[in-house]
C-alpha atoms as a PDB file:
ATOM      1  CA  UNK A   1     -10.127  13.488   9.742  1.00  0.00           C
ATOM      2  CA  UNK A   2      -9.232   9.869  10.382  1.00  0.00           C
ATOM      3  CA  UNK A   3      -6.115   8.592  12.080  1.00  0.00           C
ATOM      4  CA  UNK A   4      -4.492   5.801  10.085  1.00  0.00           C
ATOM      5  CA  UNK A   5      -2.511   3.348  12.228  1.00  0.00           C
ATOM      6  CA  UNK A   6      -1.158   0.408  10.307  1.00  0.00           C
ATOM      7  CA  UNK A   7       1.457  -2.310  10.281  1.00  0.00           C
ATOM      8  CA  UNK A   8       2.790  -3.665   6.978  1.00  0.00           C
ATOM      9  CA  UNK A   9       4.407  -6.968   5.969  1.00  0.00           C
ATOM     10  CA  UNK A  10       5.993  -8.619   2.948  1.00  0.00           C
ATOM     11  CA  UNK A  11       4.016 -11.746   2.127  1.00  0.00           C
ATOM     12  CA  UNK A  12       5.331 -15.131   1.056  1.00  0.00           C
ATOM     13  CA  UNK A  13       3.453 -18.054  -0.405  1.00  0.00           C
ATOM     14  CA  UNK A  14      -0.204 -18.276  -1.358  1.00  0.00           C
ATOM     15  CA  UNK A  15      -1.852 -19.277   1.955  1.00  0.00           C
ATOM     16  CA  UNK A  16      -3.420 -15.815   2.235  1.00  0.00           C
ATOM     17  CA  UNK A  17      -5.801 -16.767  -0.598  1.00  0.00           C
ATOM     18  CA  UNK A  18      -7.764 -18.918   1.888  1.00  0.00           C
ATOM     19  CA  UNK A  19      -8.946 -15.792   3.756  1.00  0.00           C
ATOM     20  CA  UNK A  20      -9.866 -13.485   0.838  1.00  0.00           C
ATOM     21  CA  UNK A  21     -13.238 -11.781   1.338  1.00  0.00           C
ATOM     22  CA  UNK A  22     -13.180  -9.415  -1.697  1.00  0.00           C
ATOM     23  CA  UNK A  23     -10.888  -7.977  -4.359  1.00  0.00           C
ATOM     24  CA  UNK A  24     -10.584  -4.720  -6.285  1.00  0.00           C
ATOM     25  CA  UNK A  25      -8.159  -3.250  -8.838  1.00  0.00           C
ATOM     26  CA  UNK A  26      -6.590   0.152  -8.219  1.00  0.00           C
ATOM     27  CA  UNK A  27      -4.668   2.598 -10.343  1.00  0.00           C
ATOM     28  CA  UNK A  28      -3.184   5.298  -8.181  1.00  0.00           C
ATOM     29  CA  UNK A  29      -0.891   8.221  -8.653  1.00  0.00           C
ATOM     30  CA  UNK A  30       0.914  10.648  -6.401  1.00  0.00           C
ATOM     31  CA  UNK A  31       0.670  14.357  -7.000  1.00  0.00           C
ATOM     32  CA  UNK A  32       3.829  16.435  -6.627  1.00  0.00           C
ATOM     33  CA  UNK A  33       4.208  17.823  -3.093  1.00  0.00           C
ATOM     34  CA  UNK A  34       6.178  20.770  -1.840  1.00  0.00           C
ATOM     35  CA  UNK A  35       6.972  18.916   1.370  1.00  0.00           C
ATOM     36  CA  UNK A  36       8.107  15.391   2.194  1.00  0.00           C
ATOM     37  CA  UNK A  37       5.748  15.517   5.176  1.00  0.00           C
ATOM     38  CA  UNK A  38       2.562  15.282   3.101  1.00  0.00           C
ATOM     39  CA  UNK A  39       1.456  12.638   0.623  1.00  0.00           C
ATOM     40  CA  UNK A  40      -1.311  13.470  -1.829  1.00  0.00           C
ATOM     41  CA  UNK A  41      -2.790  10.552  -3.736  1.00  0.00           C
ATOM     42  CA  UNK A  42      -5.472  10.078  -6.360  1.00  0.00           C
ATOM     43  CA  UNK A  43      -6.967   6.585  -6.585  1.00  0.00           C
ATOM     44  CA  UNK A  44      -9.246   5.163  -9.265  1.00  0.00           C
ATOM     45  CA  UNK A  45     -11.107   1.881  -8.706  1.00  0.00           C
ATOM     46  CA  UNK A  46     -12.870   0.870 -11.865  1.00  0.00           C
ATOM     47  CA  UNK A  47     -14.834   3.260 -14.047  1.00  0.00           C
ATOM     48  CA  UNK A  48     -16.920   4.903 -11.320  1.00  0.00           C
ATOM     49  CA  UNK A  49     -15.126   5.122  -7.946  1.00  0.00           C
ATOM     50  CA  UNK A  50     -12.308   7.512  -7.113  1.00  0.00           C
ATOM     51  CA  UNK A  51     -10.796   9.314  -4.122  1.00  0.00           C
ATOM     52  CA  UNK A  52      -8.369  12.092  -3.356  1.00  0.00           C
ATOM     53  CA  UNK A  53      -6.352  11.433  -0.189  1.00  0.00           C
ATOM     54  CA  UNK A  54      -3.997  13.627   1.839  1.00  0.00           C
ATOM     55  CA  UNK A  55      -1.799  12.041   4.523  1.00  0.00           C
ATOM     56  CA  UNK A  56       0.339  13.724   7.182  1.00  0.00           C
ATOM     57  CA  UNK A  57       2.626  12.107   9.794  1.00  0.00           C
ATOM     58  CA  UNK A  58       1.078  11.959  13.272  1.00  0.00           C
ATOM     59  CA  UNK A  59       3.926  10.207  15.117  1.00  0.00           C
ATOM     60  CA  UNK A  60       5.090   6.595  15.163  1.00  0.00           C
ATOM     61  CA  UNK A  61       3.054   4.359  12.883  1.00  0.00           C
ATOM     62  CA  UNK A  62       0.097   6.772  12.809  1.00  0.00           C
ATOM     63  CA  UNK A  63      -0.826   9.259  10.078  1.00  0.00           C
ATOM     64  CA  UNK A  64      -3.626  11.772   9.760  1.00  0.00           C
ATOM     65  CA  UNK A  65      -5.678  10.874   6.723  1.00  0.00           C
ATOM     66  CA  UNK A  66      -8.132  13.063   4.824  1.00  0.00           C
ATOM     67  CA  UNK A  67      -9.969  11.179   2.069  1.00  0.00           C
ATOM     68  CA  UNK A  68     -12.617  12.548  -0.267  1.00  0.00           C
ATOM     69  CA  UNK A  69     -14.635  10.877  -3.026  1.00  0.00           C
ATOM     70  CA  UNK A  70     -14.190  12.619  -6.376  1.00  0.00           C
ATOM     71  CA  UNK A  71     -15.684  12.025  -9.829  1.00  0.00           C
ATOM     72  CA  UNK A  72     -13.929   9.219 -11.720  1.00  0.00           C
ATOM     73  CA  UNK A  73     -13.369  11.553 -14.684  1.00  0.00           C
ATOM     74  CA  UNK A  74     -11.507  13.966 -12.392  1.00  0.00           C
ATOM     75  CA  UNK A  75      -9.400  11.095 -11.037  1.00  0.00           C
ATOM     76  CA  UNK A  76      -8.511  10.001 -14.567  1.00  0.00           C
ATOM     77  CA  UNK A  77      -7.468  13.551 -15.444  1.00  0.00           C
ATOM     78  CA  UNK A  78      -5.406  13.847 -12.251  1.00  0.00           C
ATOM     79  CA  UNK A  79      -3.728  10.488 -12.933  1.00  0.00           C
ATOM     80  CA  UNK A  80      -2.598  11.869 -16.280  1.00  0.00           C
ATOM     81  CA  UNK A  81      -0.809  14.649 -14.319  1.00  0.00           C
ATOM     82  CA  UNK A  82       1.019  12.176 -12.071  1.00  0.00           C
ATOM     83  CA  UNK A  83       4.516  11.020 -12.926  1.00  0.00           C
ATOM     84  CA  UNK A  84       4.545   8.572 -10.011  1.00  0.00           C
ATOM     85  CA  UNK A  85       1.922   5.833 -10.526  1.00  0.00           C
ATOM     86  CA  UNK A  86       1.317   2.219  -9.639  1.00  0.00           C
ATOM     87  CA  UNK A  87      -1.200  -0.522 -10.298  1.00  0.00           C
ATOM     88  CA  UNK A  88      -2.211  -3.173  -7.804  1.00  0.00           C
ATOM     89  CA  UNK A  89      -4.955  -5.625  -6.976  1.00  0.00           C
ATOM     90  CA  UNK A  90      -6.168  -5.258  -3.411  1.00  0.00           C
ATOM     91  CA  UNK A  91      -7.748  -8.107  -1.483  1.00  0.00           C
ATOM     92  CA  UNK A  92      -9.779  -7.683   1.685  1.00  0.00           C
ATOM     93  CA  UNK A  93      -8.916 -10.426   4.164  1.00  0.00           C
ATOM     94  CA  UNK A  94     -11.166 -12.097   6.713  1.00  0.00           C
ATOM     95  CA  UNK A  95      -8.792 -12.078   9.682  1.00  0.00           C
ATOM     96  CA  UNK A  96      -9.266 -11.036  13.321  1.00  0.00           C
ATOM     97  CA  UNK A  97      -7.523  -8.192  15.110  1.00  0.00           C
ATOM     98  CA  UNK A  98      -7.900  -5.313  12.670  1.00  0.00           C
ATOM     99  CA  UNK A  99      -8.830  -4.389   9.116  1.00  0.00           C
ATOM    100  CA  UNK A 100      -6.558  -6.559   6.920  1.00  0.00           C
ATOM    101  CA  UNK A 101      -5.877  -5.948   3.220  1.00  0.00           C
ATOM    102  CA  UNK A 102      -3.284  -7.410   0.891  1.00  0.00           C
ATOM    103  CA  UNK A 103      -1.865  -5.741  -2.228  1.00  0.00           C
ATOM    104  CA  UNK A 104      -0.478  -7.701  -5.183  1.00  0.00           C
ATOM    105  CA  UNK A 105       1.558  -5.213  -7.187  1.00  0.00           C
ATOM    106  CA  UNK A 106       1.702  -5.268 -10.962  1.00  0.00           C
ATOM    107  CA  UNK A 107       4.062  -3.894 -13.576  1.00  0.00           C
ATOM    108  CA  UNK A 108       7.409  -2.639 -12.343  1.00  0.00           C
ATOM    109  CA  UNK A 109       6.556  -3.440  -8.711  1.00  0.00           C
ATOM    110  CA  UNK A 110       5.851  -7.133  -9.319  1.00  0.00           C
ATOM    111  CA  UNK A 111       6.383  -9.546  -7.600  1.00  0.00           C
ATOM    112  CA  UNK A 112       5.776  -7.543  -4.417  1.00  0.00           C
ATOM    113  CA  UNK A 113       2.907  -8.715  -2.232  1.00  0.00           C
ATOM    114  CA  UNK A 114       2.300  -6.586   0.873  1.00  0.00           C
ATOM    115  CA  UNK A 115      -0.237  -7.144   3.631  1.00  0.00           C
ATOM    116  CA  UNK A 116      -1.289  -4.405   6.004  1.00  0.00           C
ATOM    117  CA  UNK A 117      -3.512  -4.265   9.020  1.00  0.00           C
ATOM    118  CA  UNK A 118      -5.187  -1.056  10.201  1.00  0.00           C
ATOM    119  CA  UNK A 119      -5.378  -0.835  13.965  1.00  0.00           C
ATOM    120  CA  UNK A 120      -7.382   1.258  16.400  1.00  0.00           C
ATOM    121  CA  UNK A 121      -4.295   2.067  18.492  1.00  0.00           C
ATOM    122  CA  UNK A 122      -0.552   1.792  17.905  1.00  0.00           C
ATOM    123  CA  UNK A 123       0.099  -0.689  20.727  1.00  0.00           C
ATOM    124  CA  UNK A 124      -2.820  -2.961  19.820  1.00  0.00           C
ATOM    125  CA  UNK A 125      -1.981  -6.668  19.938  1.00  0.00           C
ATOM    126  CA  UNK A 126      -2.562  -8.485  16.662  1.00  0.00           C
ATOM    127  CA  UNK A 127      -1.974 -12.088  15.561  1.00  0.00           C
ATOM    128  CA  UNK A 128       0.361 -12.013  12.561  1.00  0.00           C
ATOM    129  CA  UNK A 129      -0.262 -14.827  10.048  1.00  0.00           C
ATOM    130  CA  UNK A 130       2.722 -17.072   9.251  1.00  0.00           C
ATOM    131  CA  UNK A 131       2.661 -15.949   5.613  1.00  0.00           C
ATOM    132  CA  UNK A 132       3.592 -12.410   6.714  1.00  0.00           C
ATOM    133  CA  UNK A 133       7.295 -13.088   6.328  1.00  0.00           C
ATOM    134  CA  UNK A 134       8.941  -9.737   7.106  1.00  0.00           C
ATOM    135  CA  UNK A 135       7.577  -6.635   8.826  1.00  0.00           C
ATOM    136  CA  UNK A 136       8.185  -3.466   6.823  1.00  0.00           C
ATOM    137  CA  UNK A 137       6.194  -1.008   8.964  1.00  0.00           C
ATOM    138  CA  UNK A 138       7.790   2.426   8.748  1.00  0.00           C
ATOM    139  CA  UNK A 139      10.215   1.507   5.948  1.00  0.00           C
ATOM    140  CA  UNK A 140       9.696   4.363   3.530  1.00  0.00           C
ATOM    141  CA  UNK A 141      11.025   2.524   0.471  1.00  0.00           C
ATOM    142  CA  UNK A 142       8.021   0.183   0.652  1.00  0.00           C
ATOM    143  CA  UNK A 143       5.386   2.926   0.929  1.00  0.00           C
ATOM    144  CA  UNK A 144       3.048   3.083  -2.042  1.00  0.00           C
ATOM    145  CA  UNK A 145       4.221   6.615  -2.765  1.00  0.00           C
ATOM    146  CA  UNK A 146       7.863   5.479  -2.848  1.00  0.00           C
ATOM    147  CA  UNK A 147       7.046   2.417  -4.971  1.00  0.00           C
ATOM    148  CA  UNK A 148       5.207   4.666  -7.432  1.00  0.00           C
ATOM    149  CA  UNK A 149       8.225   6.945  -7.887  1.00  0.00           C
ATOM    150  CA  UNK A 150      10.970   4.301  -7.502  1.00  0.00           C
ATOM    151  CA  UNK A 151       9.424   0.929  -8.465  1.00  0.00           C
ATOM    152  CA  UNK A 152      10.847  -2.230  -6.969  1.00  0.00           C
ATOM    153  CA  UNK A 153      11.911  -3.402 -10.434  1.00  0.00           C
ATOM    154  CA  UNK A 154      14.272  -0.388 -10.618  1.00  0.00           C
ATOM    155  CA  UNK A 155      15.939  -1.074  -7.277  1.00  0.00           C
ATOM    156  CA  UNK A 156      19.633  -1.850  -7.496  1.00  0.00           C
ATOM    157  CA  UNK A 157      21.042  -5.212  -6.489  1.00  0.00           C
ATOM    158  CA  UNK A 158      22.225  -3.626  -3.220  1.00  0.00           C
ATOM    159  CA  UNK A 159      18.743  -2.186  -2.482  1.00  0.00           C
ATOM    160  CA  UNK A 160      17.098  -5.567  -3.092  1.00  0.00           C
ATOM    161  CA  UNK A 161      19.718  -7.627  -1.201  1.00  0.00           C
ATOM    162  CA  UNK A 162      18.249  -7.244   2.342  1.00  0.00           C
ATOM    163  CA  UNK A 163      14.880  -8.533   1.058  1.00  0.00           C
ATOM    164  CA  UNK A 164      16.173 -11.354  -1.128  1.00  0.00           C
ATOM    165  CA  UNK A 165      15.061 -14.202   1.194  1.00  0.00           C
ATOM    166  CA  UNK A 166      11.500 -12.911   1.481  1.00  0.00           C
ATOM    167  CA  UNK A 167      11.425 -12.181  -2.254  1.00  0.00           C
ATOM    168  CA  UNK A 168      12.713 -15.632  -3.175  1.00  0.00           C
ATOM    169  CA  UNK A 169       9.659 -17.066  -1.423  1.00  0.00           C
ATOM    170  CA  UNK A 170       7.420 -14.771  -3.533  1.00  0.00           C
ATOM    171  CA  UNK A 171       8.772 -15.883  -6.906  1.00  0.00           C
END
């Protein structure tokens, strides 16, 4: 079991492109759960790589994470069973202070761009790049699971209003 500790940010502008180390496309879906406390995800990256992930709250910004490689054919079949899905391009970033990735969402979640940094401990100091415009750590509506079931493009005017300034910079 791994402990996932991460901070998340809405991103504005394109300056992040200067620190891209790699990129990868993901299709992911969320399997129905009997409890809000657990998230179960299937992720497919290309024709040959796939994972099944279970996440449980561990307090604060930390979650217990169990991730297992599975055959890509199984992932494709599981994705067909998922009502809540999303597509994104993930970029690995060459930045200090943690493991940084940035997701550019497609489809009904465009134009969202979210950066996240995985930390070794919750109180770890990290330099936040200027293009990380608004911290969204712990805001459930911006979790991938929530965006899969209630895409940003379906949010009401009132739901989008608090994020309008950051979003204006994305468009």
